[in-house]
Amino acid sequence: MKIALDAMGGDFAPQAAVDGAVLAAAQLAGKAQIVLIGQPDAVRPLLAQHGAAAEDLILVPASQIIDMGEHPAKAYQQKQDSSIAVGYRMLASGEVEAFCSAGNTGAMLVGAMFSVKPVPGVLRPAIANFVPKLHGGMGIMLDVGANAECKPEMLEQFGELGSLYARYVLGIAEPKVGLMNLGEEEGKGTANSQAAHQLLKVNPHLRFIGNIEGRDLFNDKADVVVCDGFTGNVLLKMAESVYDIMADKGIGMGDPFFAHFNYESIGGSPILGINDNAIIGHGVSTPTAICNMLLQGYQMASAGIADQIKATFKS
């Protein structure tokens, strides 16, 4: 198995990317190889610094970089030898089983839509993120930024996508699905959320437990939290800020629950609903975050989550 990494993506690339890839390679030895995609003149000297620890890493040349501030669609189309475009071509051709990048989020979404493409039947792929639970384990929340406004049918599909990920990757046998709303009662929320509630309620593939509120995000009420990308992104950034504030004040840093608030612990957010495995990392990703993003890519590929999604929506 091969897991690809955009070596030029992120604020601290390529140094953080190379360092993180070396860390991941040590943990995946005998199970998967890491493929670095980037400018050889920038990457090779960094690999040399690691000596024997970097011997198993593969370097695939890509002469161009899509910068963080560039227009995603235009840059992706015009820079076909960028590390992101090359990575997606390798993913689409089956040369690698997962592709990870801490680069331009919009370009990663564009590449997912136009290269590996959405699974037939999926209205819009979603970006998912992970939610630590007070009594241990992790839940999943989607969407967290790909789709700011969602039709009820999209929210229903997010419930299915999240439930599949929770079952096959997180190992939750019967994931509980909750719809984020401003009240627990069935009639609460906007017209969209009320309609989504009715669709989720009758979906035979889901264990839908009804509406949940913001206070339920970290308890065991739901394993899968369904929301539009606007709401999800606000919740995600709020959780990240809580960790930053606690770290500044030196509060709770030895607690494993709060440790999961740190984006480094997961490393990235998977794009669900596409025909393969792609993960978007934080722009400020450290080597630790890069390493964990690659490990997550391996976990997704090993679980065959993309195939499970395709099989479900085909049926």
C-alpha atoms as a PDB file:
ATOM      1  CA  MET A   1       0.000   0.000   0.000  1.00  0.00           C
ATOM      2  CA  LYS A   2       1.159   3.546  -0.774  1.00  0.00           C
ATOM      3  CA  ILE A   3      -0.025   6.752   0.921  1.00  0.00           C
ATOM      4  CA  ALA A   4       0.796  10.027  -0.860  1.00  0.00           C
ATOM      5  CA  LEU A   5       1.603  13.357   0.762  1.00  0.00           C
ATOM      6  CA  ASP A   6       1.746  16.818  -0.785  1.00  0.00           C
ATOM      7  CA  ALA A   7       5.254  17.793   0.320  1.00  0.00           C
ATOM      8  CA  MET A   8       4.716  21.436  -0.692  1.00  0.00           C
ATOM      9  CA  GLY A   9       1.412  22.002   1.133  1.00  0.00           C
ATOM     10  CA  GLY A  10       1.170  23.936   4.384  1.00  0.00           C
ATOM     11  CA  ASP A  11       2.698  27.004   5.971  1.00  0.00           C
ATOM     12  CA  PHE A  12       5.797  25.095   7.085  1.00  0.00           C
ATOM     13  CA  ALA A  13       6.313  22.945   3.985  1.00  0.00           C
ATOM     14  CA  PRO A  14       8.383  21.227   2.875  1.00  0.00           C
ATOM     15  CA  GLN A  15      10.225  20.875   6.204  1.00  0.00           C
ATOM     16  CA  ALA A  16       7.179  19.878   8.282  1.00  0.00           C
ATOM     17  CA  ALA A  17       5.932  17.570   5.521  1.00  0.00           C
ATOM     18  CA  VAL A  18       9.213  15.697   5.243  1.00  0.00           C
ATOM     19  CA  ASP A  19       9.665  15.447   9.012  1.00  0.00           C
ATOM     20  CA  GLY A  20       6.089  14.194   9.435  1.00  0.00           C
ATOM     21  CA  ALA A  21       6.485  11.686   6.606  1.00  0.00           C
ATOM     22  CA  VAL A  22       9.591  10.233   8.283  1.00  0.00           C
ATOM     23  CA  LEU A  23       7.668   9.853  11.550  1.00  0.00           C
ATOM     24  CA  ALA A  24       4.786   8.106   9.762  1.00  0.00           C
ATOM     25  CA  ALA A  25       7.115   5.866   7.762  1.00  0.00           C
ATOM     26  CA  ALA A  26       8.553   4.477  10.989  1.00  0.00           C
ATOM     27  CA  GLN A  27       5.063   3.593  12.258  1.00  0.00           C
ATOM     28  CA  LEU A  28       3.903   2.150   8.938  1.00  0.00           C
ATOM     29  CA  ALA A  29       7.053   0.113   8.252  1.00  0.00           C
ATOM     30  CA  GLY A  30       6.085  -3.182   6.661  1.00  0.00           C
ATOM     31  CA  LYS A  31       2.512  -2.001   6.094  1.00  0.00           C
ATOM     32  CA  ALA A  32       2.653   0.992   3.756  1.00  0.00           C
ATOM     33  CA  GLN A  33       5.078   3.278   1.937  1.00  0.00           C
ATOM     34  CA  ILE A  34       4.928   7.066   1.994  1.00  0.00           C
ATOM     35  CA  VAL A  35       5.082   8.872  -1.355  1.00  0.00           C
ATOM     36  CA  LEU A  36       6.193  12.508  -1.206  1.00  0.00           C
ATOM     37  CA  ILE A  37       5.083  14.740  -4.079  1.00  0.00           C
ATOM     38  CA  GLY A  38       6.969  17.989  -4.594  1.00  0.00           C
ATOM     39  CA  GLN A  39       9.915  19.904  -5.979  1.00  0.00           C
ATOM     40  CA  PRO A  40      12.989  17.633  -5.848  1.00  0.00           C
ATOM     41  CA  ASP A  41      15.459  20.475  -5.228  1.00  0.00           C
ATOM     42  CA  ALA A  42      13.516  21.465  -2.105  1.00  0.00           C
ATOM     43  CA  VAL A  43      12.711  17.980  -0.807  1.00  0.00           C
ATOM     44  CA  ARG A  44      15.845  15.915  -1.427  1.00  0.00           C
ATOM     45  CA  PRO A  45      18.151  17.886   0.933  1.00  0.00           C
ATOM     46  CA  LEU A  46      15.585  17.484   3.726  1.00  0.00           C
ATOM     47  CA  LEU A  47      15.364  13.747   3.126  1.00  0.00           C
ATOM     48  CA  ALA A  48      19.154  13.538   3.230  1.00  0.00           C
ATOM     49  CA  GLN A  49      19.136  15.101   6.690  1.00  0.00           C
ATOM     50  CA  HIS A  50      17.183  12.096   7.971  1.00  0.00           C
ATOM     51  CA  GLY A  51      19.620   9.577   6.533  1.00  0.00           C
ATOM     52  CA  ALA A  52      18.532   5.947   6.800  1.00  0.00           C
ATOM     53  CA  ALA A  53      15.181   6.908   8.366  1.00  0.00           C
ATOM     54  CA  ALA A  54      14.078   8.358   5.012  1.00  0.00           C
ATOM     55  CA  GLU A  55      15.355   5.569   2.763  1.00  0.00           C
ATOM     56  CA  ASP A  56      11.946   3.982   2.211  1.00  0.00           C
ATOM     57  CA  LEU A  57      10.223   7.238   1.222  1.00  0.00           C
ATOM     58  CA  ILE A  58       9.441   7.682  -2.467  1.00  0.00           C
ATOM     59  CA  LEU A  59       9.776  11.104  -4.113  1.00  0.00           C
ATOM     60  CA  VAL A  60       7.590  11.977  -7.104  1.00  0.00           C
ATOM     61  CA  PRO A  61       8.511  15.253  -8.849  1.00  0.00           C
ATOM     62  CA  ALA A  62       5.997  18.105  -9.151  1.00  0.00           C
ATOM     63  CA  SER A  63       7.348  21.434 -10.362  1.00  0.00           C
ATOM     64  CA  GLN A  64       4.495  23.718  -9.291  1.00  0.00           C
ATOM     65  CA  ILE A  65       2.865  24.790  -6.015  1.00  0.00           C
ATOM     66  CA  ILE A  66      -0.703  26.012  -5.459  1.00  0.00           C
ATOM     67  CA  ASP A  67      -0.282  28.742  -2.868  1.00  0.00           C
ATOM     68  CA  MET A  68      -2.777  29.249  -0.051  1.00  0.00           C
ATOM     69  CA  GLY A  69      -4.059  32.554  -1.436  1.00  0.00           C
ATOM     70  CA  GLU A  70      -4.666  31.399  -5.004  1.00  0.00           C
ATOM     71  CA  HIS A  71      -8.112  30.895  -6.524  1.00  0.00           C
ATOM     72  CA  PRO A  72      -8.670  27.127  -6.085  1.00  0.00           C
ATOM     73  CA  ALA A  73     -10.371  26.219  -9.375  1.00  0.00           C
ATOM     74  CA  LYS A  74      -8.230  28.485 -11.552  1.00  0.00           C
ATOM     75  CA  ALA A  75      -4.976  27.393  -9.906  1.00  0.00           C
ATOM     76  CA  TYR A  76      -5.857  23.706 -10.139  1.00  0.00           C
ATOM     77  CA  GLN A  77      -6.678  23.994 -13.836  1.00  0.00           C
ATOM     78  CA  GLN A  78      -3.632  26.092 -14.716  1.00  0.00           C
ATOM     79  CA  LYS A  79      -1.079  24.248 -12.569  1.00  0.00           C
ATOM     80  CA  GLN A  80      -1.377  20.675 -13.738  1.00  0.00           C
ATOM     81  CA  ASP A  81       2.133  19.886 -12.505  1.00  0.00           C
ATOM     82  CA  SER A  82       1.370  21.147  -8.993  1.00  0.00           C
ATOM     83  CA  SER A  83       1.838  18.783  -6.075  1.00  0.00           C
ATOM     84  CA  ILE A  84      -1.941  18.696  -5.518  1.00  0.00           C
ATOM     85  CA  ALA A  85      -2.802  17.937  -9.161  1.00  0.00           C
ATOM     86  CA  VAL A  86      -0.111  15.258  -9.423  1.00  0.00           C
ATOM     87  CA  GLY A  87      -1.308  13.716  -6.160  1.00  0.00           C
ATOM     88  CA  TYR A  88      -4.873  13.461  -7.378  1.00  0.00           C
ATOM     89  CA  ARG A  89      -3.773  11.940 -10.692  1.00  0.00           C
ATOM     90  CA  MET A  90      -1.888   9.262  -8.798  1.00  0.00           C
ATOM     91  CA  LEU A  91      -4.931   8.651  -6.587  1.00  0.00           C
ATOM     92  CA  ALA A  92      -7.300   8.424  -9.559  1.00  0.00           C
ATOM     93  CA  SER A  93      -4.991   6.018 -11.406  1.00  0.00           C
ATOM     94  CA  GLY A  94      -4.652   3.714  -8.417  1.00  0.00           C
ATOM     95  CA  GLU A  95      -0.913   4.351  -7.930  1.00  0.00           C
ATOM     96  CA  VAL A  96      -1.617   5.349  -4.316  1.00  0.00           C
ATOM     97  CA  GLU A  97      -4.436   4.390  -1.944  1.00  0.00           C
ATOM     98  CA  ALA A  98      -4.784   7.760  -0.195  1.00  0.00           C
ATOM     99  CA  PHE A  99      -3.683  11.359  -0.763  1.00  0.00           C
ATOM    100  CA  CYS A 100      -3.046  13.861   2.040  1.00  0.00           C
ATOM    101  CA  SER A 101      -2.307  17.587   1.885  1.00  0.00           C
ATOM    102  CA  ALA A 102      -2.074  20.533   4.265  1.00  0.00           C
ATOM    103  CA  GLY A 103      -2.183  22.858   1.264  1.00  0.00           C
ATOM    104  CA  ASN A 104      -4.929  24.956  -0.324  1.00  0.00           C
ATOM    105  CA  THR A 105      -8.244  23.544   0.977  1.00  0.00           C
ATOM    106  CA  GLY A 106     -10.239  24.807  -1.981  1.00  0.00           C
ATOM    107  CA  ALA A 107      -7.829  23.214  -4.454  1.00  0.00           C
ATOM    108  CA  MET A 108      -8.091  19.928  -2.565  1.00  0.00           C
ATOM    109  CA  LEU A 109     -11.886  20.066  -2.921  1.00  0.00           C
ATOM    110  CA  VAL A 110     -11.653  20.995  -6.604  1.00  0.00           C
ATOM    111  CA  GLY A 111      -9.281  18.104  -7.207  1.00  0.00           C
ATOM    112  CA  ALA A 112     -11.610  15.731  -5.406  1.00  0.00           C
ATOM    113  CA  MET A 113     -14.581  16.839  -7.515  1.00  0.00           C
ATOM    114  CA  PHE A 114     -12.851  16.821 -10.905  1.00  0.00           C
ATOM    115  CA  SER A 115     -10.242  14.092 -10.549  1.00  0.00           C
ATOM    116  CA  VAL A 116     -11.459  11.192  -8.414  1.00  0.00           C
ATOM    117  CA  LYS A 117     -15.026  12.582  -8.614  1.00  0.00           C
ATOM    118  CA  PRO A 118     -18.011  12.133  -6.277  1.00  0.00           C
ATOM    119  CA  VAL A 119     -19.530   8.701  -5.776  1.00  0.00           C
ATOM    120  CA  PRO A 120     -22.556   8.343  -8.082  1.00  0.00           C
ATOM    121  CA  GLY A 121     -25.640   9.223  -6.081  1.00  0.00           C
ATOM    122  CA  VAL A 122     -23.829  11.513  -3.645  1.00  0.00           C
ATOM    123  CA  LEU A 123     -25.213  15.030  -4.076  1.00  0.00           C
ATOM    124  CA  ARG A 124     -22.202  16.808  -2.540  1.00  0.00           C
ATOM    125  CA  PRO A 125     -19.148  15.350  -0.794  1.00  0.00           C
ATOM    126  CA  ALA A 126     -18.562  16.579   2.750  1.00  0.00           C
ATOM    127  CA  ILE A 127     -15.545  17.414   4.879  1.00  0.00           C
ATOM    128  CA  ALA A 128     -15.694  15.509   8.153  1.00  0.00           C
ATOM    129  CA  ASN A 129     -13.966  16.142  11.449  1.00  0.00           C
ATOM    130  CA  PHE A 130     -13.675  14.235  14.683  1.00  0.00           C
ATOM    131  CA  VAL A 131     -15.250  14.914  18.056  1.00  0.00           C
ATOM    132  CA  PRO A 132     -13.715  13.607  21.301  1.00  0.00           C
ATOM    133  CA  LYS A 133     -16.212  12.041  23.674  1.00  0.00           C
ATOM    134  CA  LEU A 134     -16.176  12.650  27.425  1.00  0.00           C
ATOM    135  CA  HIS A 135     -16.278   8.947  28.235  1.00  0.00           C
ATOM    136  CA  GLY A 136     -13.680   7.941  25.665  1.00  0.00           C
ATOM    137  CA  GLY A 137     -13.638   7.297  21.952  1.00  0.00           C
ATOM    138  CA  MET A 138     -14.366   9.618  19.059  1.00  0.00           C
ATOM    139  CA  GLY A 139     -17.409  10.733  17.114  1.00  0.00           C
ATOM    140  CA  ILE A 140     -17.580  12.330  13.682  1.00  0.00           C
ATOM    141  CA  MET A 141     -19.153  15.615  12.568  1.00  0.00           C
ATOM    142  CA  LEU A 142     -20.018  16.612   9.001  1.00  0.00           C
ATOM    143  CA  ASP A 143     -20.059  18.871   7.118  1.00  0.00           C
ATOM    144  CA  VAL A 144     -17.422  21.240   8.528  1.00  0.00           C
ATOM    145  CA  GLY A 145     -16.845  23.571   5.609  1.00  0.00           C
ATOM    146  CA  ALA A 146     -17.376  22.176   2.126  1.00  0.00           C
ATOM    147  CA  ASN A 147     -21.062  23.132   1.862  1.00  0.00           C
ATOM    148  CA  ALA A 148     -22.134  26.268   3.702  1.00  0.00           C
ATOM    149  CA  GLU A 149     -25.777  25.855   2.684  1.00  0.00           C
ATOM    150  CA  CYS A 150     -27.357  22.419   2.447  1.00  0.00           C
ATOM    151  CA  LYS A 151     -30.592  21.007   1.118  1.00  0.00           C
ATOM    152  CA  PRO A 152     -32.392  18.528   3.403  1.00  0.00           C
ATOM    153  CA  GLU A 153     -31.395  15.663   1.096  1.00  0.00           C
ATOM    154  CA  MET A 154     -27.721  16.593   1.497  1.00  0.00           C
ATOM    155  CA  LEU A 155     -28.005  16.543   5.276  1.00  0.00           C
ATOM    156  CA  GLU A 156     -29.611  13.104   5.088  1.00  0.00           C
ATOM    157  CA  GLN A 157     -26.676  11.877   3.000  1.00  0.00           C
ATOM    158  CA  PHE A 158     -24.194  13.339   5.467  1.00  0.00           C
ATOM    159  CA  GLY A 159     -25.857  11.124   8.070  1.00  0.00           C
ATOM    160  CA  GLU A 160     -25.221   8.085   5.868  1.00  0.00           C
ATOM    161  CA  LEU A 161     -21.630   9.044   5.040  1.00  0.00           C
ATOM    162  CA  GLY A 162     -20.799   9.715   8.684  1.00  0.00           C
ATOM    163  CA  SER A 163     -22.493   6.523   9.824  1.00  0.00           C
ATOM    164  CA  LEU A 164     -20.459   4.454   7.358  1.00  0.00           C
ATOM    165  CA  TYR A 165     -17.210   6.069   8.501  1.00  0.00           C
ATOM    166  CA  ALA A 166     -18.094   5.570  12.161  1.00  0.00           C
ATOM    167  CA  ARG A 167     -18.875   1.914  11.538  1.00  0.00           C
ATOM    168  CA  TYR A 168     -15.992   0.875   9.292  1.00  0.00           C
ATOM    169  CA  VAL A 169     -13.164   3.179  10.407  1.00  0.00           C
ATOM    170  CA  LEU A 170     -13.980   4.134  14.012  1.00  0.00           C
ATOM    171  CA  GLY A 171     -15.331   0.667  14.785  1.00  0.00           C
ATOM    172  CA  ILE A 172     -18.715   1.731  16.203  1.00  0.00           C
ATOM    173  CA  ALA A 173     -21.109  -1.138  15.498  1.00  0.00           C
ATOM    174  CA  GLU A 174     -24.357   0.863  15.496  1.00  0.00           C
ATOM    175  CA  PRO A 175     -23.528   4.573  15.236  1.00  0.00           C
ATOM    176  CA  LYS A 176     -26.120   6.955  16.659  1.00  0.00           C
ATOM    177  CA  VAL A 177     -26.882   9.838  14.291  1.00  0.00           C
ATOM    178  CA  GLY A 178     -28.003  13.234  15.593  1.00  0.00           C
ATOM    179  CA  LEU A 179     -29.026  16.379  13.720  1.00  0.00           C
ATOM    180  CA  MET A 180     -27.497  19.561  15.171  1.00  0.00           C
ATOM    181  CA  ASN A 181     -30.320  21.970  15.874  1.00  0.00           C
ATOM    182  CA  LEU A 182     -31.387  24.761  18.236  1.00  0.00           C
ATOM    183  CA  GLY A 183     -33.642  22.484  20.231  1.00  0.00           C
ATOM    184  CA  GLU A 184     -34.331  18.802  20.810  1.00  0.00           C
ATOM    185  CA  GLU A 185     -38.000  18.906  19.790  1.00  0.00           C
ATOM    186  CA  GLU A 186     -38.828  17.535  16.358  1.00  0.00           C
ATOM    187  CA  GLY A 187     -40.406  20.759  15.136  1.00  0.00           C
ATOM    188  CA  LYS A 188     -37.457  22.997  16.002  1.00  0.00           C
ATOM    189  CA  GLY A 189     -35.137  24.746  13.561  1.00  0.00           C
ATOM    190  CA  THR A 190     -35.319  26.129  10.059  1.00  0.00           C
ATOM    191  CA  ALA A 191     -37.486  24.700   7.301  1.00  0.00           C
ATOM    192  CA  ASN A 192     -34.395  22.907   5.994  1.00  0.00           C
ATOM    193  CA  SER A 193     -33.546  21.277   9.300  1.00  0.00           C
ATOM    194  CA  GLN A 194     -37.173  20.277   9.895  1.00  0.00           C
ATOM    195  CA  ALA A 195     -37.303  18.626   6.459  1.00  0.00           C
ATOM    196  CA  ALA A 196     -33.932  16.948   7.057  1.00  0.00           C
ATOM    197  CA  HIS A 197     -35.248  15.596  10.359  1.00  0.00           C
ATOM    198  CA  GLN A 198     -38.127  13.875   8.567  1.00  0.00           C
ATOM    199  CA  LEU A 199     -35.782  12.318   5.985  1.00  0.00           C
ATOM    200  CA  LEU A 200     -33.318  11.092   8.610  1.00  0.00           C
ATOM    201  CA  LYS A 201     -36.174   9.780  10.748  1.00  0.00           C
ATOM    202  CA  VAL A 202     -37.396   7.343   8.081  1.00  0.00           C
ATOM    203  CA  ASN A 203     -34.016   6.349   6.624  1.00  0.00           C
ATOM    204  CA  PRO A 204     -33.734   2.582   7.231  1.00  0.00           C
ATOM    205  CA  HIS A 205     -29.919   2.644   7.074  1.00  0.00           C
ATOM    206  CA  LEU A 206     -29.530   4.989  10.036  1.00  0.00           C
ATOM    207  CA  ARG A 207     -29.935   4.817  13.798  1.00  0.00           C
ATOM    208  CA  PHE A 208     -31.306   8.340  14.012  1.00  0.00           C
ATOM    209  CA  ILE A 209     -31.809   9.625  17.559  1.00  0.00           C
ATOM    210  CA  GLY A 210     -33.310  13.016  16.643  1.00  0.00           C
ATOM    211  CA  ASN A 211     -32.156  16.575  17.170  1.00  0.00           C
ATOM    212  CA  ILE A 212     -29.196  17.406  19.374  1.00  0.00           C
ATOM    213  CA  GLU A 213     -27.968  20.742  20.695  1.00  0.00           C
ATOM    214  CA  GLY A 214     -24.505  22.257  20.965  1.00  0.00           C
ATOM    215  CA  ARG A 215     -24.198  21.012  24.539  1.00  0.00           C
ATOM    216  CA  ASP A 216     -24.456  17.421  23.237  1.00  0.00           C
ATOM    217  CA  LEU A 217     -21.410  17.658  20.978  1.00  0.00           C
ATOM    218  CA  PHE A 218     -19.016  15.942  23.381  1.00  0.00           C
ATOM    219  CA  ASN A 219     -21.350  13.598  25.264  1.00  0.00           C
ATOM    220  CA  ASP A 220     -22.430  10.122  24.159  1.00  0.00           C
ATOM    221  CA  LYS A 221     -25.811  11.107  22.779  1.00  0.00           C
ATOM    222  CA  ALA A 222     -24.697  10.890  19.143  1.00  0.00           C
ATOM    223  CA  ASP A 223     -21.704   9.298  17.410  1.00  0.00           C
ATOM    224  CA  VAL A 224     -22.429  11.120  14.145  1.00  0.00           C
ATOM    225  CA  VAL A 225     -23.268  14.826  14.225  1.00  0.00           C
ATOM    226  CA  VAL A 226     -24.997  16.114  11.084  1.00  0.00           C
ATOM    227  CA  CYS A 227     -24.930  19.817  10.219  1.00  0.00           C
ATOM    228  CA  ASP A 228     -24.376  22.205   7.319  1.00  0.00           C
ATOM    229  CA  GLY A 229     -20.821  23.328   6.594  1.00  0.00           C
ATOM    230  CA  PHE A 230     -21.359  26.800   8.053  1.00  0.00           C
ATOM    231  CA  THR A 231     -22.481  25.478  11.427  1.00  0.00           C
ATOM    232  CA  GLY A 232     -19.892  22.707  11.453  1.00  0.00           C
ATOM    233  CA  ASN A 233     -17.027  25.055  10.697  1.00  0.00           C
ATOM    234  CA  VAL A 234     -18.067  27.423  13.495  1.00  0.00           C
ATOM    235  CA  LEU A 235     -18.214  24.507  15.957  1.00  0.00           C
ATOM    236  CA  LEU A 236     -14.846  23.191  14.791  1.00  0.00           C
ATOM    237  CA  LYS A 237     -13.058  26.540  15.089  1.00  0.00           C
ATOM    238  CA  MET A 238     -14.637  27.159  18.482  1.00  0.00           C
ATOM    239  CA  ALA A 239     -13.322  23.808  19.747  1.00  0.00           C
ATOM    240  CA  GLU A 240      -9.845  24.633  18.424  1.00  0.00           C
ATOM    241  CA  SER A 241      -9.944  27.991  20.216  1.00  0.00           C
ATOM    242  CA  VAL A 242     -10.929  26.297  23.485  1.00  0.00           C
ATOM    243  CA  TYR A 243      -7.795  24.160  23.260  1.00  0.00           C
ATOM    244  CA  ASP A 244      -5.612  27.184  22.480  1.00  0.00           C
ATOM    245  CA  ILE A 245      -7.045  29.120  25.446  1.00  0.00           C
ATOM    246  CA  MET A 246      -6.557  26.190  27.812  1.00  0.00           C
ATOM    247  CA  ALA A 247      -2.998  25.677  26.568  1.00  0.00           C
ATOM    248  CA  ASP A 248      -2.220  29.367  27.139  1.00  0.00           C
ATOM    249  CA  LYS A 249      -3.559  29.127  30.672  1.00  0.00           C
ATOM    250  CA  GLY A 250      -1.983  25.749  31.374  1.00  0.00           C
ATOM    251  CA  ILE A 251      -5.309  24.124  32.165  1.00  0.00           C
ATOM    252  CA  GLY A 252      -6.078  20.446  31.641  1.00  0.00           C
ATOM    253  CA  MET A 253      -3.148  19.698  29.353  1.00  0.00           C
ATOM    254  CA  GLY A 254      -2.549  16.329  31.001  1.00  0.00           C
ATOM    255  CA  ASP A 255      -6.130  15.235  30.365  1.00  0.00           C
ATOM    256  CA  PRO A 256      -6.476  12.883  27.348  1.00  0.00           C
ATOM    257  CA  PHE A 257      -9.938  14.265  26.554  1.00  0.00           C
ATOM    258  CA  PHE A 258      -8.657  17.803  26.091  1.00  0.00           C
ATOM    259  CA  ALA A 259      -5.602  16.518  24.233  1.00  0.00           C
ATOM    260  CA  HIS A 260      -7.955  15.434  21.442  1.00  0.00           C
ATOM    261  CA  PHE A 261      -9.011  19.059  20.954  1.00  0.00           C
ATOM    262  CA  ASN A 262      -5.554  19.652  19.515  1.00  0.00           C
ATOM    263  CA  TYR A 263      -5.776  19.378  15.721  1.00  0.00           C
ATOM    264  CA  GLU A 264      -2.402  17.582  15.732  1.00  0.00           C
ATOM    265  CA  SER A 265      -3.909  14.513  17.396  1.00  0.00           C
ATOM    266  CA  ILE A 266      -5.997  13.670  14.308  1.00  0.00           C
ATOM    267  CA  GLY A 267      -3.989  15.462  11.658  1.00  0.00           C
ATOM    268  CA  GLY A 268      -6.663  16.142   9.060  1.00  0.00           C
ATOM    269  CA  SER A 269     -10.250  16.024   7.835  1.00  0.00           C
ATOM    270  CA  PRO A 270     -11.340  13.369   5.321  1.00  0.00           C
ATOM    271  CA  ILE A 271     -13.399  14.252   2.265  1.00  0.00           C
ATOM    272  CA  LEU A 272     -16.279  11.761   2.301  1.00  0.00           C
ATOM    273  CA  GLY A 273     -18.432  10.893  -0.686  1.00  0.00           C
ATOM    274  CA  ILE A 274     -15.662  10.737  -3.307  1.00  0.00           C
ATOM    275  CA  ASN A 275     -14.383   7.624  -5.082  1.00  0.00           C
ATOM    276  CA  ASP A 276     -11.156   7.401  -3.092  1.00  0.00           C
ATOM    277  CA  ASN A 277      -9.398   8.513   0.084  1.00  0.00           C
ATOM    278  CA  ALA A 278      -8.360  12.170   0.423  1.00  0.00           C
ATOM    279  CA  ILE A 279      -7.565  14.095   3.601  1.00  0.00           C
ATOM    280  CA  ILE A 280      -7.163  17.845   4.125  1.00  0.00           C
ATOM    281  CA  GLY A 281      -4.744  18.955   6.830  1.00  0.00           C
ATOM    282  CA  HIS A 282      -4.537  22.228   8.748  1.00  0.00           C
ATOM    283  CA  GLY A 283      -2.480  24.908   7.030  1.00  0.00           C
ATOM    284  CA  VAL A 284      -0.249  25.259  10.092  1.00  0.00           C
ATOM    285  CA  SER A 285       0.345  21.515  10.329  1.00  0.00           C
ATOM    286  CA  THR A 286       3.368  20.442  12.346  1.00  0.00           C
ATOM    287  CA  PRO A 287       5.310  17.210  11.744  1.00  0.00           C
ATOM    288  CA  THR A 288       3.120  15.511  14.369  1.00  0.00           C
ATOM    289  CA  ALA A 289      -0.052  16.587  12.552  1.00  0.00           C
ATOM    290  CA  ILE A 290       1.372  15.457   9.199  1.00  0.00           C
ATOM    291  CA  CYS A 291       2.287  12.088  10.676  1.00  0.00           C
ATOM    292  CA  ASN A 292      -1.203  11.562  12.100  1.00  0.00           C
ATOM    293  CA  MET A 293      -2.817  12.644   8.818  1.00  0.00           C
ATOM    294  CA  LEU A 294      -0.814   9.961   6.991  1.00  0.00           C
ATOM    295  CA  LEU A 295      -1.757   7.360   9.593  1.00  0.00           C
ATOM    296  CA  GLN A 296      -5.399   8.319   9.133  1.00  0.00           C
ATOM    297  CA  GLY A 297      -4.998   7.879   5.369  1.00  0.00           C
ATOM    298  CA  TYR A 298      -3.634   4.397   5.963  1.00  0.00           C
ATOM    299  CA  GLN A 299      -6.515   3.612   8.321  1.00  0.00           C
ATOM    300  CA  MET A 300      -9.100   4.748   5.763  1.00  0.00           C
ATOM    301  CA  ALA A 301      -7.506   2.745   2.962  1.00  0.00           C
ATOM    302  CA  SER A 302      -7.199  -0.361   5.148  1.00  0.00           C
ATOM    303  CA  ALA A 303     -10.854  -0.119   6.159  1.00  0.00           C
ATOM    304  CA  GLY A 304     -11.963   0.265   2.519  1.00  0.00           C
ATOM    305  CA  ILE A 305     -14.281   3.121   3.465  1.00  0.00           C
ATOM    306  CA  ALA A 306     -14.493   4.495  -0.092  1.00  0.00           C
ATOM    307  CA  ASP A 307     -15.630   1.088  -1.367  1.00  0.00           C
ATOM    308  CA  GLN A 308     -18.188   0.819   1.443  1.00  0.00           C
ATOM    309  CA  ILE A 309     -19.615   4.221   0.469  1.00  0.00           C
ATOM    310  CA  LYS A 310     -19.748   3.275  -3.222  1.00  0.00           C
ATOM    311  CA  ALA A 311     -21.478  -0.019  -2.463  1.00  0.00           C
ATOM    312  CA  THR A 312     -24.047   1.662  -0.201  1.00  0.00           C
ATOM    313  CA  PHE A 313     -24.994   4.393  -2.661  1.00  0.00           C
ATOM    314  CA  LYS A 314     -25.065   1.966  -5.577  1.00  0.00           C
ATOM    315  CA  SER A 315     -27.676  -0.091  -3.754  1.00  0.00           C
END
